[in-house]
N, C-alpha and C. Protein backbone atom coordinates (compact mmCIF):
# COMPACT_ATOMS: atom_id res chain seq x y z
N ILE A 1 0.84 -1.20 0.00
CA ILE A 1 0.00 0.00 0.00
C ILE A 1 0.87 1.25 0.00
N PHE A 2 1.99 1.18 0.73
CA PHE A 2 2.87 2.35 0.80
C PHE A 2 3.41 2.73 -0.57
N ALA A 3 3.83 1.73 -1.35
CA ALA A 3 4.37 1.99 -2.69
C ALA A 3 3.31 2.63 -3.59
N ILE A 4 2.09 2.14 -3.48
CA ILE A 4 0.98 2.68 -4.30
C ILE A 4 0.72 4.13 -3.92
N ARG A 5 0.65 4.38 -2.61
CA ARG A 5 0.38 5.74 -2.13
C ARG A 5 1.52 6.67 -2.53
N SER A 6 2.75 6.18 -2.45
CA SER A 6 3.91 6.98 -2.81
C SER A 6 3.87 7.37 -4.29
N LEU A 7 3.55 6.42 -5.16
CA LEU A 7 3.42 6.72 -6.60
C LEU A 7 2.33 7.76 -6.84
N ALA A 8 1.19 7.57 -6.18
CA ALA A 8 0.07 8.50 -6.35
C ALA A 8 0.46 9.90 -5.88
N ASN A 9 1.15 9.98 -4.74
CA ASN A 9 1.55 11.28 -4.21
C ASN A 9 2.53 11.99 -5.12
N GLN A 10 3.31 11.23 -5.90
CA GLN A 10 4.26 11.82 -6.84
C GLN A 10 3.61 12.16 -8.18
N GLY A 11 2.30 11.87 -8.30
CA GLY A 11 1.59 12.22 -9.52
C GLY A 11 1.54 11.11 -10.55
N TYR A 12 2.07 9.94 -10.23
CA TYR A 12 2.03 8.80 -11.16
C TYR A 12 0.73 8.02 -10.93
N LEU A 13 -0.37 8.66 -11.30
CA LEU A 13 -1.68 8.11 -10.96
C LEU A 13 -2.01 6.84 -11.72
N SER A 14 -1.71 6.78 -13.00
CA SER A 14 -2.07 5.57 -13.76
C SER A 14 -1.23 4.38 -13.28
N GLU A 15 0.05 4.63 -12.96
CA GLU A 15 0.90 3.55 -12.44
C GLU A 15 0.38 3.09 -11.07
N ALA A 16 0.02 4.05 -10.23
CA ALA A 16 -0.51 3.73 -8.91
C ALA A 16 -1.80 2.93 -9.02
N LEU A 17 -2.65 3.33 -9.96
CA LEU A 17 -3.92 2.63 -10.16
C LEU A 17 -3.67 1.19 -10.62
N SER A 18 -2.73 1.00 -11.54
CA SER A 18 -2.40 -0.35 -12.00
C SER A 18 -1.92 -1.22 -10.85
N LEU A 19 -1.00 -0.69 -10.05
CA LEU A 19 -0.50 -1.45 -8.90
C LEU A 19 -1.62 -1.76 -7.91
N CYS A 20 -2.48 -0.78 -7.71
CA CYS A 20 -3.60 -0.97 -6.78
C CYS A 20 -4.53 -2.06 -7.28
N ASN A 21 -4.83 -2.06 -8.58
CA ASN A 21 -5.69 -3.10 -9.15
C ASN A 21 -5.06 -4.48 -9.03
N GLU A 22 -3.73 -4.55 -9.21
CA GLU A 22 -3.03 -5.83 -9.03
C GLU A 22 -3.13 -6.30 -7.58
N ALA A 23 -2.96 -5.36 -6.65
CA ALA A 23 -3.05 -5.70 -5.23
C ALA A 23 -4.45 -6.19 -4.87
N ILE A 24 -5.47 -5.54 -5.43
CA ILE A 24 -6.85 -5.94 -5.17
C ILE A 24 -7.10 -7.35 -5.72
N ALA A 25 -6.50 -7.67 -6.87
CA ALA A 25 -6.66 -9.01 -7.45
C ALA A 25 -6.12 -10.07 -6.48
N SER A 26 -5.08 -9.71 -5.74
CA SER A 26 -4.49 -10.66 -4.78
C SER A 26 -5.18 -10.62 -3.42
N TYR A 27 -5.64 -9.46 -3.03
CA TYR A 27 -6.27 -9.27 -1.71
C TYR A 27 -7.67 -8.69 -1.89
N LYS A 28 -8.56 -9.52 -2.39
CA LYS A 28 -9.90 -9.05 -2.76
C LYS A 28 -10.72 -8.52 -1.57
N LEU A 29 -10.34 -8.88 -0.36
CA LEU A 29 -11.14 -8.49 0.80
C LEU A 29 -10.49 -7.37 1.62
N SER A 30 -9.63 -6.58 0.99
CA SER A 30 -8.98 -5.47 1.68
C SER A 30 -9.73 -4.17 1.40
N SER A 31 -10.56 -3.75 2.34
CA SER A 31 -11.31 -2.51 2.14
C SER A 31 -10.36 -1.32 1.96
N GLY A 32 -9.20 -1.36 2.59
CA GLY A 32 -8.23 -0.28 2.46
C GLY A 32 -7.72 -0.11 1.04
N LEU A 33 -7.56 -1.21 0.32
CA LEU A 33 -7.12 -1.13 -1.08
C LEU A 33 -8.20 -0.51 -1.97
N TYR A 34 -9.46 -0.86 -1.71
CA TYR A 34 -10.55 -0.26 -2.48
C TYR A 34 -10.64 1.25 -2.19
N PHE A 35 -10.40 1.61 -0.92
CA PHE A 35 -10.40 3.03 -0.54
C PHE A 35 -9.27 3.76 -1.26
N LEU A 36 -8.08 3.14 -1.28
CA LEU A 36 -6.94 3.74 -1.96
C LEU A 36 -7.22 3.89 -3.46
N ARG A 37 -7.82 2.85 -4.06
CA ARG A 37 -8.16 2.94 -5.49
C ARG A 37 -9.15 4.09 -5.72
N ALA A 38 -10.12 4.23 -4.83
CA ALA A 38 -11.10 5.32 -4.96
C ALA A 38 -10.40 6.69 -4.89
N SER A 39 -9.42 6.80 -4.01
CA SER A 39 -8.69 8.07 -3.89
C SER A 39 -7.96 8.40 -5.18
N ILE A 40 -7.34 7.40 -5.78
CA ILE A 40 -6.62 7.60 -7.05
C ILE A 40 -7.61 7.98 -8.16
N LEU A 41 -8.72 7.25 -8.21
CA LEU A 41 -9.74 7.54 -9.24
C LEU A 41 -10.29 8.95 -9.09
N GLN A 42 -10.46 9.38 -7.85
CA GLN A 42 -10.95 10.73 -7.59
C GLN A 42 -9.96 11.76 -8.14
N GLU A 43 -8.67 11.51 -7.93
CA GLU A 43 -7.63 12.40 -8.46
C GLU A 43 -7.68 12.46 -9.98
N GLN A 44 -8.15 11.39 -10.61
CA GLN A 44 -8.25 11.34 -12.07
C GLN A 44 -9.61 11.84 -12.56
N ASP A 45 -10.39 12.43 -11.67
CA ASP A 45 -11.73 12.94 -11.99
C ASP A 45 -12.67 11.85 -12.50
N LYS A 46 -12.53 10.67 -11.93
CA LYS A 46 -13.42 9.55 -12.27
C LYS A 46 -14.31 9.26 -11.06
N SER A 47 -15.21 10.19 -10.79
CA SER A 47 -16.03 10.11 -9.58
C SER A 47 -16.91 8.86 -9.52
N SER A 48 -17.54 8.51 -10.65
CA SER A 48 -18.45 7.36 -10.59
C SER A 48 -17.68 6.07 -10.32
N GLU A 49 -16.46 5.95 -10.87
CA GLU A 49 -15.64 4.77 -10.58
C GLU A 49 -15.16 4.79 -9.13
N ALA A 50 -14.85 5.98 -8.62
CA ALA A 50 -14.43 6.12 -7.23
C ALA A 50 -15.56 5.70 -6.30
N ILE A 51 -16.78 6.11 -6.62
CA ILE A 51 -17.95 5.74 -5.82
C ILE A 51 -18.13 4.23 -5.82
N ALA A 52 -17.99 3.61 -6.98
CA ALA A 52 -18.13 2.15 -7.09
C ALA A 52 -17.08 1.45 -6.22
N SER A 53 -15.85 1.96 -6.23
CA SER A 53 -14.78 1.35 -5.44
C SER A 53 -15.05 1.51 -3.94
N LEU A 54 -15.54 2.67 -3.54
CA LEU A 54 -15.87 2.88 -2.12
C LEU A 54 -17.03 1.99 -1.68
N LYS A 55 -18.00 1.80 -2.58
CA LYS A 55 -19.12 0.90 -2.25
C LYS A 55 -18.62 -0.53 -2.07
N GLN A 56 -17.60 -0.92 -2.86
CA GLN A 56 -17.02 -2.25 -2.68
C GLN A 56 -16.34 -2.36 -1.31
N ALA A 57 -15.65 -1.29 -0.90
CA ALA A 57 -14.99 -1.29 0.41
C ALA A 57 -16.01 -1.47 1.53
N ILE A 58 -17.14 -0.78 1.40
CA ILE A 58 -18.19 -0.87 2.43
C ILE A 58 -18.89 -2.22 2.38
N TYR A 59 -19.01 -2.79 1.20
CA TYR A 59 -19.60 -4.13 1.07
C TYR A 59 -18.74 -5.14 1.82
N ILE A 60 -17.43 -5.02 1.68
CA ILE A 60 -16.50 -5.92 2.37
C ILE A 60 -16.57 -5.70 3.88
N ASP A 61 -16.60 -4.42 4.28
CA ASP A 61 -16.61 -4.06 5.70
C ASP A 61 -17.66 -2.98 5.93
N PRO A 62 -18.88 -3.40 6.28
CA PRO A 62 -19.97 -2.42 6.48
C PRO A 62 -19.67 -1.37 7.55
N ASP A 63 -18.72 -1.66 8.44
CA ASP A 63 -18.36 -0.71 9.51
C ASP A 63 -17.15 0.15 9.15
N TYR A 64 -16.83 0.23 7.88
CA TYR A 64 -15.66 0.96 7.40
C TYR A 64 -15.99 2.46 7.36
N ILE A 65 -15.75 3.11 8.48
CA ILE A 65 -16.18 4.50 8.69
C ILE A 65 -15.65 5.43 7.60
N ILE A 66 -14.36 5.34 7.31
CA ILE A 66 -13.77 6.28 6.36
C ILE A 66 -14.37 6.10 4.96
N GLY A 67 -14.84 4.89 4.65
CA GLY A 67 -15.51 4.66 3.38
C GLY A 67 -16.84 5.39 3.29
N HIS A 68 -17.61 5.31 4.37
CA HIS A 68 -18.90 6.04 4.43
C HIS A 68 -18.65 7.55 4.32
N PHE A 69 -17.64 8.01 5.07
CA PHE A 69 -17.28 9.43 5.08
C PHE A 69 -16.89 9.91 3.68
N ALA A 70 -16.03 9.14 3.01
CA ALA A 70 -15.58 9.51 1.67
C ALA A 70 -16.74 9.51 0.67
N LEU A 71 -17.63 8.54 0.80
CA LEU A 71 -18.80 8.51 -0.10
C LEU A 71 -19.68 9.74 0.12
N GLY A 72 -19.89 10.10 1.37
CA GLY A 72 -20.67 11.31 1.65
C GLY A 72 -20.05 12.53 0.99
N ASN A 73 -18.72 12.65 1.10
CA ASN A 73 -18.03 13.79 0.49
C ASN A 73 -18.13 13.78 -1.03
N LEU A 74 -18.01 12.60 -1.63
CA LEU A 74 -18.12 12.50 -3.10
C LEU A 74 -19.53 12.89 -3.57
N PHE A 75 -20.53 12.41 -2.85
CA PHE A 75 -21.90 12.74 -3.24
C PHE A 75 -22.19 14.23 -3.07
N ILE A 76 -21.60 14.86 -2.06
CA ILE A 76 -21.78 16.30 -1.89
C ILE A 76 -21.20 17.03 -3.10
N ARG A 77 -20.00 16.61 -3.54
CA ARG A 77 -19.37 17.26 -4.69
C ARG A 77 -20.23 17.11 -5.94
N GLN A 78 -20.99 16.01 -6.01
CA GLN A 78 -21.85 15.79 -7.17
C GLN A 78 -23.20 16.49 -7.02
N GLY A 79 -23.42 17.11 -5.86
CA GLY A 79 -24.69 17.79 -5.62
C GLY A 79 -25.81 16.84 -5.25
N ASN A 80 -25.46 15.63 -4.82
CA ASN A 80 -26.46 14.63 -4.44
C ASN A 80 -26.59 14.60 -2.92
N ALA A 81 -27.36 15.55 -2.38
CA ALA A 81 -27.48 15.70 -0.94
C ALA A 81 -28.13 14.49 -0.28
N LYS A 82 -29.08 13.86 -0.97
CA LYS A 82 -29.79 12.72 -0.39
C LYS A 82 -28.82 11.56 -0.09
N ASN A 83 -28.01 11.19 -1.08
CA ASN A 83 -27.04 10.11 -0.85
C ASN A 83 -25.95 10.54 0.12
N ALA A 84 -25.52 11.80 0.04
CA ALA A 84 -24.49 12.30 0.97
C ALA A 84 -24.99 12.15 2.40
N LYS A 85 -26.23 12.55 2.63
CA LYS A 85 -26.80 12.47 3.99
C LYS A 85 -26.83 11.02 4.47
N ARG A 86 -27.20 10.11 3.59
CA ARG A 86 -27.28 8.69 3.96
C ARG A 86 -25.92 8.17 4.43
N TYR A 87 -24.87 8.44 3.66
CA TYR A 87 -23.54 7.93 4.04
C TYR A 87 -22.97 8.68 5.23
N PHE A 88 -23.24 9.98 5.33
CA PHE A 88 -22.78 10.72 6.51
C PHE A 88 -23.47 10.20 7.77
N ASN A 89 -24.78 9.92 7.68
CA ASN A 89 -25.47 9.36 8.85
C ASN A 89 -24.90 8.01 9.25
N ASN A 90 -24.58 7.17 8.26
CA ASN A 90 -23.93 5.88 8.56
C ASN A 90 -22.62 6.11 9.30
N ALA A 91 -21.82 7.04 8.79
CA ALA A 91 -20.52 7.34 9.42
C ALA A 91 -20.72 7.84 10.85
N LEU A 92 -21.70 8.74 11.04
CA LEU A 92 -21.95 9.26 12.39
C LEU A 92 -22.38 8.15 13.35
N ASP A 93 -23.23 7.25 12.88
CA ASP A 93 -23.65 6.11 13.71
C ASP A 93 -22.43 5.28 14.13
N LEU A 94 -21.55 5.00 13.17
CA LEU A 94 -20.37 4.18 13.45
C LEU A 94 -19.38 4.92 14.35
N LEU A 95 -19.28 6.24 14.17
CA LEU A 95 -18.38 7.04 15.01
C LEU A 95 -18.83 7.06 16.46
N GLY A 96 -20.11 6.80 16.69
CA GLY A 96 -20.64 6.78 18.06
C GLY A 96 -19.92 5.78 18.95
N GLY A 97 -19.35 4.75 18.37
CA GLY A 97 -18.64 3.75 19.15
C GLY A 97 -17.16 4.05 19.33
N CYS A 98 -16.72 5.24 18.94
CA CYS A 98 -15.29 5.60 19.00
C CYS A 98 -15.08 6.75 19.98
N ALA A 99 -13.90 6.79 20.56
CA ALA A 99 -13.52 7.91 21.41
C ALA A 99 -13.15 9.10 20.52
N ASN A 100 -13.40 10.31 21.01
CA ASN A 100 -13.14 11.53 20.23
C ASN A 100 -11.72 11.64 19.72
N ASP A 101 -10.76 11.15 20.50
CA ASP A 101 -9.36 11.32 20.09
C ASP A 101 -8.81 10.12 19.33
N ASP A 102 -9.66 9.12 19.03
CA ASP A 102 -9.23 8.00 18.18
C ASP A 102 -8.88 8.53 16.80
N ILE A 103 -7.88 7.91 16.18
CA ILE A 103 -7.51 8.22 14.80
C ILE A 103 -7.92 7.03 13.95
N LEU A 104 -8.72 7.28 12.92
CA LEU A 104 -9.20 6.19 12.07
C LEU A 104 -8.14 5.80 11.04
N PRO A 105 -8.05 4.50 10.73
CA PRO A 105 -7.14 4.08 9.66
C PRO A 105 -7.52 4.77 8.35
N GLU A 106 -6.53 5.10 7.55
CA GLU A 106 -6.71 5.76 6.25
C GLU A 106 -7.30 7.16 6.34
N SER A 107 -7.33 7.76 7.53
CA SER A 107 -7.92 9.09 7.66
C SER A 107 -6.89 10.21 7.58
N GLU A 108 -5.65 9.86 7.24
CA GLU A 108 -4.57 10.85 7.18
C GLU A 108 -4.38 11.54 8.54
N GLY A 109 -4.63 10.80 9.61
CA GLY A 109 -4.38 11.31 10.96
C GLY A 109 -5.49 12.15 11.56
N LEU A 110 -6.67 12.15 10.94
CA LEU A 110 -7.78 12.94 11.48
C LEU A 110 -8.42 12.22 12.67
N SER A 111 -8.75 12.98 13.69
CA SER A 111 -9.40 12.40 14.86
C SER A 111 -10.88 12.17 14.60
N VAL A 112 -11.45 11.27 15.38
CA VAL A 112 -12.89 10.99 15.29
C VAL A 112 -13.69 12.29 15.50
N LYS A 113 -13.27 13.08 16.48
CA LYS A 113 -13.98 14.34 16.76
C LYS A 113 -13.96 15.26 15.54
N TYR A 114 -12.80 15.38 14.88
CA TYR A 114 -12.68 16.26 13.72
C TYR A 114 -13.51 15.75 12.55
N ILE A 115 -13.49 14.45 12.32
CA ILE A 115 -14.30 13.87 11.23
C ILE A 115 -15.78 14.12 11.50
N ARG A 116 -16.20 13.93 12.75
CA ARG A 116 -17.60 14.19 13.12
C ARG A 116 -17.96 15.65 12.84
N GLU A 117 -17.06 16.58 13.18
CA GLU A 117 -17.32 18.01 12.94
C GLU A 117 -17.43 18.30 11.44
N ILE A 118 -16.58 17.68 10.63
CA ILE A 118 -16.64 17.88 9.18
C ILE A 118 -17.99 17.40 8.64
N ILE A 119 -18.40 16.21 9.10
CA ILE A 119 -19.67 15.64 8.63
C ILE A 119 -20.83 16.56 9.00
N LEU A 120 -20.88 16.98 10.26
CA LEU A 120 -21.99 17.84 10.71
C LEU A 120 -21.99 19.17 9.95
N SER A 121 -20.82 19.73 9.70
CA SER A 121 -20.72 20.97 8.94
C SER A 121 -21.22 20.76 7.51
N ASN A 122 -20.79 19.66 6.87
CA ASN A 122 -21.23 19.37 5.51
C ASN A 122 -22.74 19.16 5.44
N MET A 123 -23.28 18.47 6.42
CA MET A 123 -24.72 18.22 6.42
C MET A 123 -25.49 19.51 6.63
N GLN A 124 -24.98 20.37 7.49
CA GLN A 124 -25.65 21.65 7.75
C GLN A 124 -25.63 22.51 6.49
N THR A 125 -24.49 22.52 5.79
CA THR A 125 -24.36 23.30 4.56
C THR A 125 -25.38 22.81 3.51
N GLN A 126 -25.56 21.50 3.44
CA GLN A 126 -26.50 20.94 2.46
C GLN A 126 -27.94 21.35 2.76
N HIS A 127 -28.26 21.48 4.04
CA HIS A 127 -29.64 21.83 4.40
C HIS A 127 -29.98 23.28 4.11
N THR A 128 -28.94 24.13 4.04
CA THR A 128 -29.21 25.55 3.80
C THR A 128 -29.31 25.88 2.32
N LYS A 129 -28.98 24.93 1.45
CA LYS A 129 -29.04 25.18 0.01
C LYS A 129 -30.45 25.03 -0.52
């Protein structure tokens, strides 16, 4: 995963995507790999493919908080408040079982409290539109 992320961070998105797809072929049940693939696809402006990859991550692990969070954010960018709200609510429900200072895997070091604040802010913004 580190090599894939490193390639993506250096801007080698197609190479990173290829490596990620190879890794997924070997580790089909790794929600983190599907999340990483979605991040790369998002960088390539392939939102619908990114959404599909995130849905696969959540299918593998229904309690994958960062997957729900990322889906909510993607749907907000697409202007789909209904789906965004659904995934944000899922994330909030799952965050209820975490301590505020917990750091979620794949969250780039964001605390549970901060992620919750982002979700609530995004949901509030959607309601005022």
